[in-house]
Protein backbone atom coordinates (compact mmCIF):
# COMPACT_ATOMS: atom_id res chain seq x y z
CA MET A 1 0.00 0.00 0.00
CA ALA A 2 3.01 2.29 0.36
CA GLN A 3 3.80 4.37 -2.69
CA LYS A 4 7.47 5.05 -3.36
CA PHE A 5 8.53 8.69 -3.51
CA SER A 6 10.16 8.12 -6.91
CA GLU A 7 6.83 6.83 -8.26
CA ILE A 8 5.09 9.98 -7.03
CA LEU A 9 7.73 12.14 -8.68
CA SER A 10 7.47 10.23 -11.95
CA SER A 11 3.69 10.69 -12.03
CA ILE A 12 3.98 14.41 -11.34
CA LYS A 13 6.40 14.89 -14.22
CA GLU A 14 3.87 13.29 -16.58
CA VAL A 15 0.89 15.47 -15.71
CA VAL A 16 2.06 18.76 -14.16
CA THR A 17 3.55 21.51 -16.31
CA SER A 18 5.06 23.51 -13.44
CA TYR A 19 7.02 21.88 -10.64
CA ASP A 20 10.42 22.03 -8.98
CA SER A 21 12.36 18.91 -8.02
CA TYR A 22 15.81 17.82 -7.00
CA LEU A 23 16.90 14.33 -8.03
CA ASP A 24 14.35 11.85 -6.65
CA ASP A 25 14.42 13.45 -3.21
CA LEU A 26 12.60 16.79 -3.24
CA LEU A 27 9.40 17.85 -4.94
CA LEU A 28 7.74 21.25 -4.64
CA ILE A 29 4.51 22.18 -6.42
CA GLU A 30 1.67 24.66 -6.10
CA PHE A 31 -1.89 23.96 -7.14
CA ASP A 32 -5.48 25.17 -6.95
CA HIS A 33 -8.92 23.63 -7.39
CA THR A 34 -8.49 23.56 -11.19
CA SER A 35 -5.52 21.18 -10.90
CA ILE A 36 -7.05 18.67 -8.49
CA ASP A 37 -7.06 16.04 -11.24
CA ASP A 38 -3.32 16.56 -11.66
CA LEU A 39 -2.82 16.45 -7.91
CA LYS A 40 -4.38 13.00 -7.77
CA TYR A 41 -1.23 11.66 -9.35
CA LEU A 42 0.81 13.07 -6.48
CA VAL A 43 -1.56 12.04 -3.70
CA PRO A 44 -4.09 9.59 -5.17
CA MET A 45 -7.62 9.94 -3.86
CA ASN A 46 -7.51 6.62 -2.06
CA PRO A 47 -5.87 5.68 1.25
CA THR A 48 -2.16 4.98 1.05
CA ARG A 49 1.23 5.44 2.69
CA TYR A 50 3.58 7.59 0.62
CA GLY A 51 6.98 6.72 2.05
CA ALA A 52 7.91 10.41 2.24
CA PHE A 53 7.53 13.43 4.50
CA ILE A 54 4.83 15.54 2.89
CA PHE A 55 4.03 19.10 3.94
CA VAL A 56 0.72 20.43 2.61
CA GLY A 57 0.12 24.15 3.03
CA VAL A 58 -3.34 25.63 2.46
CA THR A 59 -3.17 29.21 1.17
CA ASN A 60 -6.90 29.57 0.46
CA GLY A 61 -10.14 27.63 0.93
CA ASP A 62 -10.09 24.32 2.73
CA MET A 63 -9.36 20.64 2.20
CA GLU A 64 -10.83 17.49 3.72
CA THR A 65 -8.47 14.64 4.51
CA LYS A 66 -8.24 11.56 6.69
CA ILE A 67 -4.98 10.65 8.42
CA ASP A 68 -4.69 7.36 10.33
CA TYR A 69 -8.48 6.95 10.23
CA VAL A 70 -9.14 10.44 11.73
CA ASP A 71 -10.90 13.21 9.74
CA TYR A 72 -9.25 16.63 9.43
CA THR A 73 -10.28 19.89 7.76
CA ALA A 74 -7.28 21.99 6.72
CA GLU A 75 -8.31 25.64 6.41
CA LYS A 76 -6.51 28.70 5.06
CA ASP A 77 -3.05 29.20 6.63
CA SER A 78 -2.99 25.60 7.88
CA LEU A 79 -0.17 23.09 7.53
CA LEU A 80 -0.52 19.31 7.33
CA LEU A 81 2.49 17.13 8.08
CA ILE A 82 2.20 13.61 6.71
CA MET A 83 4.78 11.15 7.99
CA PRO A 84 5.93 8.16 5.90
CA THR A 85 3.99 5.79 8.18
CA HIS A 86 0.74 7.77 8.06
CA ILE A 87 -2.17 6.26 6.15
CA THR A 88 -3.54 9.25 4.28
CA HIS A 89 -6.70 9.76 2.28
CA PHE A 90 -7.12 13.11 0.53
CA ILE A 91 -10.86 13.46 0.09
CA SER A 92 -11.78 16.84 -1.41
CA GLY A 93 -10.99 20.55 -1.70
CA SER A 94 -13.28 23.55 -1.82
CA SER A 95 -13.90 25.40 -5.10
CA ASP A 96 -11.59 28.24 -3.97
CA PHE A 97 -8.87 25.91 -2.72
CA LYS A 98 -5.21 26.82 -3.25
CA GLY A 99 -2.14 25.29 -1.70
CA TRP A 100 1.38 23.95 -1.99
CA VAL A 101 3.09 20.63 -1.38
CA LEU A 102 6.66 19.96 -0.31
CA SER A 103 7.61 16.28 -0.42
CA ILE A 104 10.91 15.00 0.94
CA SER A 105 12.02 11.42 0.54
CA GLU A 106 12.67 9.57 3.78
CA PRO A 107 16.27 8.60 2.86
CA TYR A 108 17.13 12.22 2.01
CA LEU A 109 15.79 13.57 5.29
CA LYS A 110 17.58 10.84 7.24
CA MET A 111 20.80 11.73 5.43
CA MET A 112 20.43 15.36 6.45
CA SER A 113 19.59 14.41 10.01
CA HIS A 114 22.64 12.17 10.33
CA ALA A 115 24.78 14.93 8.89
CA GLY A 116 23.40 17.38 11.45
CA LYS A 117 22.00 19.64 8.74
CA HIS A 118 18.50 20.18 10.08
CA PRO A 119 17.02 20.77 13.53
CA ASP A 120 15.10 18.04 15.27
CA ILE A 121 11.76 19.58 14.27
CA ILE A 122 10.46 16.37 12.68
CA SER A 123 11.05 14.35 15.84
CA TYR A 124 9.37 17.05 17.87
CA MET A 125 6.37 17.15 15.58
CA GLN A 126 6.06 13.38 15.79
CA ILE A 127 5.38 13.82 19.48
CA LYS A 128 2.40 15.97 18.64
CA LYS A 129 -0.80 14.04 18.37
CA ASN A 130 -2.30 16.32 15.75
CA PRO A 131 -0.71 16.48 12.26
CA LEU A 132 -2.68 19.67 11.45
CA THR A 133 -1.62 23.12 12.65
CA LYS A 134 -3.30 26.49 12.03
CA PHE A 135 -1.01 29.52 11.87
CA GLU A 136 -1.58 33.24 11.89
CA HIS A 137 -1.60 34.69 8.37
CA ALA A 138 1.70 36.56 8.85
CA GLU A 139 3.33 33.40 10.22
CA PHE A 140 2.15 31.34 7.29
CA GLN A 141 3.39 33.95 4.83
CA ALA A 142 6.80 33.89 6.51
CA LEU A 143 6.89 30.11 6.09
CA TYR A 144 5.99 30.51 2.43
CA SER A 145 8.86 32.97 1.96
CA SER A 146 11.20 30.33 3.36
CA LEU A 147 9.72 27.81 0.93
CA ASP A 148 10.29 30.24 -1.93
CA CYS A 149 13.99 30.43 -1.02
CA LEU A 150 14.16 26.66 -1.32
CA ARG A 151 12.47 26.83 -4.73
CA LYS A 152 15.00 29.37 -5.97
CA ARG A 153 17.90 27.21 -4.80
CA ILE A 154 16.47 24.16 -6.58
CA ARG A 155 16.31 26.18 -9.79
CA GLN A 156 19.94 27.39 -9.52
CA GLN A 157 21.34 24.34 -11.26
CA SER A 158 24.44 26.20 -12.44
CA HIS A 159 25.47 26.94 -8.85
CA PHE A 160 28.82 25.29 -8.15
CA PHE A 161 27.53 24.17 -4.75
CA HIS A 162 23.99 23.34 -5.85
CA LYS A 163 23.59 20.37 -3.49
CA GLU A 164 24.86 22.29 -0.46
CA ALA A 165 22.75 25.34 -1.33
CA ILE A 166 19.59 23.21 -1.42
CA GLU A 167 20.45 21.52 1.87
CA ASN A 168 21.00 24.90 3.54
CA ALA A 169 17.72 26.27 2.16
CA LEU A 170 15.88 23.20 3.43
CA LYS A 171 17.60 23.57 6.79
CA MET A 172 16.35 27.17 6.98
CA PHE A 173 12.83 25.99 6.15
CA PHE A 174 12.97 23.63 9.12
CA ILE A 175 14.44 26.31 11.36
CA ASP A 176 11.70 28.78 10.41
CA LEU A 177 9.03 26.13 10.87
CA GLY A 178 10.47 25.14 14.24
CA SER A 179 10.49 28.76 15.34
CA LEU A 180 6.83 29.14 14.39
CA TYR A 181 5.89 26.03 16.37
CA LEU A 182 7.88 27.07 19.42
CA GLY A 183 6.40 30.56 19.16
CA LYS A 184 3.02 29.13 19.98
CA ARG A 185 2.38 28.93 23.70
CA GLU A 186 0.81 25.48 23.45
CA ASN A 187 3.96 24.13 21.80
CA HIS A 188 6.42 25.25 24.47
CA ILE A 189 5.38 22.35 26.66
CA ILE A 190 4.21 19.00 25.45
CA PRO A 191 0.67 18.77 26.86
CA ASN A 192 -0.18 16.36 29.64
CA PHE A 193 -2.81 13.96 28.37
CA SER A 194 -5.37 12.28 30.57
CA ARG A 195 -5.22 8.52 31.02
CA LYS A 196 -8.18 8.14 28.67
CA GLU A 197 -6.49 10.29 26.02
CA GLU A 198 -3.29 8.27 26.29
CA ILE A 199 -5.24 5.03 25.88
CA PHE A 200 -7.01 6.51 22.86
CA PHE A 201 -3.72 7.51 21.20
CA ASP A 202 -2.08 4.18 22.08
CA PHE A 203 -5.05 2.33 20.60
CA GLN A 204 -4.63 4.26 17.34
CA SER A 205 -0.96 3.33 17.27
CA HIS A 206 -1.69 -0.37 17.82
CA LEU A 207 -4.49 -0.23 15.25
CA ARG A 208 -2.17 1.27 12.65
CA GLU A 209 0.37 -1.49 13.29
CA HIS A 210 -1.89 -4.52 13.65
CA CYS A 211 -5.24 -3.88 11.95
CA LYS A 212 -4.40 -5.99 8.89
CA LYS A 213 -4.02 -9.12 10.97
CA GLN A 214 -5.96 -8.46 14.17
CA HIS A 215 -9.70 -7.79 13.89
CA ASP A 216 -10.83 -8.54 17.45
CA VAL A 217 -11.40 -5.87 20.08
CA LYS A 218 -9.92 -8.19 22.72
CA PHE A 219 -6.51 -8.14 21.03
CA TYR A 220 -6.25 -4.35 21.40
CA ALA A 221 -7.70 -4.37 24.91
CA ASP A 222 -5.08 -6.95 25.93
CA LYS A 223 -2.35 -4.81 24.37
CA LEU A 224 -3.51 -1.91 26.52
CA CYS A 225 -4.03 -4.11 29.61
CA ILE A 226 -7.67 -3.13 29.97
CA THR A 227 -11.02 -4.86 29.41
CA THR A 228 -12.84 -4.76 26.08
CA GLN A 229 -15.74 -2.95 27.75
CA TYR A 230 -13.46 -0.25 29.14
CA LEU A 231 -11.72 0.19 25.77
CA THR A 232 -15.03 0.63 23.95
CA SER A 233 -16.18 3.06 26.65
CA ILE A 234 -13.03 5.19 26.23
CA LEU A 235 -13.25 5.22 22.43
CA LYS A 236 -16.92 6.17 22.57
CA ASP A 237 -16.06 8.99 24.95
CA GLN A 238 -13.08 10.26 22.92
CA SER A 239 -14.38 9.81 19.40
CA GLY A 240 -18.03 8.76 19.46
CA LYS A 241 -17.13 5.45 17.77
CA SER A 242 -16.90 1.97 19.26
CA ALA A 243 -13.74 -0.12 19.16
CA MET A 244 -15.26 -2.43 16.55
CA LYS A 245 -16.21 0.56 14.40
CA TRP A 246 -12.62 1.80 14.55
CA ILE A 247 -11.32 -1.63 13.52
CA GLN A 248 -13.80 -1.95 10.66
CA GLU A 249 -13.02 1.52 9.32
CA ALA A 250 -9.28 0.80 9.53
CA LEU A 251 -9.78 -2.43 7.56
CA MET A 252 -11.82 -0.59 4.95
CA THR A 253 -9.13 2.07 4.63
CA GLU A 254 -6.47 -0.58 4.09
CA ALA A 255 -8.69 -2.52 1.67
CA LYS A 256 -9.50 0.50 -0.47
CA GLY A 257 -5.87 1.47 -0.76
CA MET A 258 -4.82 -2.05 -1.74
CA LEU A 259 -7.65 -2.48 -4.23
CA LYS A 260 -6.52 0.66 -6.04
CA THR A 261 -3.06 -0.86 -6.46
CA PRO A 262 -3.25 -2.76 -9.78
CA ARG A 263 -0.44 -5.19 -9.01
CA ILE A 264 -2.34 -6.62 -6.01
CA ASN A 265 -5.20 -9.01 -6.90
CA ILE A 266 -8.33 -9.34 -4.78
CA GLN A 267 -7.32 -12.73 -3.38
CA GLN A 268 -4.08 -11.20 -2.15
CA VAL A 269 -5.97 -8.30 -0.55
CA SER A 270 -8.14 -10.83 1.26
CA ASN A 271 -5.09 -12.77 2.42
CA ASP A 272 -3.15 -9.69 3.49
CA LEU A 273 -6.10 -8.52 5.56
CA ASN A 274 -6.35 -11.93 7.23
CA PHE A 275 -9.84 -12.88 6.07
CA PRO A 276 -10.53 -16.64 6.04
CA ASP A 277 -11.35 -16.55 2.32
CA GLN A 278 -12.10 -14.15 -0.55
CA SER A 279 -15.86 -14.66 -0.21
CA THR A 280 -15.85 -13.49 3.42
CA PHE A 281 -13.79 -10.46 2.47
CA GLY A 282 -16.16 -9.68 -0.40
CA LYS A 283 -19.20 -9.79 1.88
CA PHE A 284 -17.46 -7.57 4.45
CA PHE A 285 -16.45 -5.05 1.81
CA LYS A 286 -19.86 -4.90 0.16
CA LYS A 287 -21.57 -4.50 3.54
CA HIS A 288 -19.58 -1.33 4.17
CA THR A 289 -19.50 0.15 0.66
CA GLY A 290 -22.51 -1.26 -1.17
CA VAL A 291 -20.29 -2.57 -3.98
CA SER A 292 -18.07 -5.61 -4.43
CA PRO A 293 -14.25 -5.30 -4.32
CA LEU A 294 -14.12 -5.82 -8.08
CA GLU A 295 -16.72 -3.10 -8.73
CA PHE A 296 -14.80 -0.73 -6.46
CA ARG A 297 -11.55 -1.45 -8.28
CA ASN A 298 -13.10 -0.98 -11.74
CA ASN A 299 -14.76 2.29 -10.78
């Protein structure tokens, strides 16, 4: 279900007339509601993992997305950070939507981190439970200016130190972003979560890791050392959904992403999701979507 960064880059080059990229590691584009069809090639409108760090900035309008089975609405001057392990489903954008995307391959960012060329902003942001942040307009414009510097460096291919210039520009982007985060009062101190909130977040983590193979509420309750009744009670309180509903929606997210991957046949999807047979998987899928797996794939 993961989509390689190089595959994303290749698709973009086929359908977008204006983009900036560096090797197979960096990709920077801007888009509006008229180029949503082109954007689908970058972030297909079905759940998947992209194997890259993806920053999505919303400069106008709003966008609906689902990250790790949770719905988010990104409004003007908002920033989404999508980690390589996140299961992401871009759903829709408003008619006045405008935004930008900066994608960084995981190996490239790790290389920079090991070389000490960027602050530990990514690790810090991983601690945050919410991948969506709303900034003040002036703050967001300042971040965009930093992004524009990176774009200019990417375009300076005749620069004798092109590679180093790009790395420094990306480092400054991270520094500016880190400063904006730390400038917010709520980001100076990592918030103390209640026991119920911690259980809720831990459940999401276990679900992300195990949902393909483990479909029983008891498995997750045992992982959290609580009863199934208490787990369902907490999830109802925190999200309005039962534990079983969370599991079923996670399975559907995984199934939809796999079914939209041509190289994976339906029998393999059924096997990977640990259904006893393809017929059982088909009935489960149709119950939740109203169509068979084959109809969903063809449409």
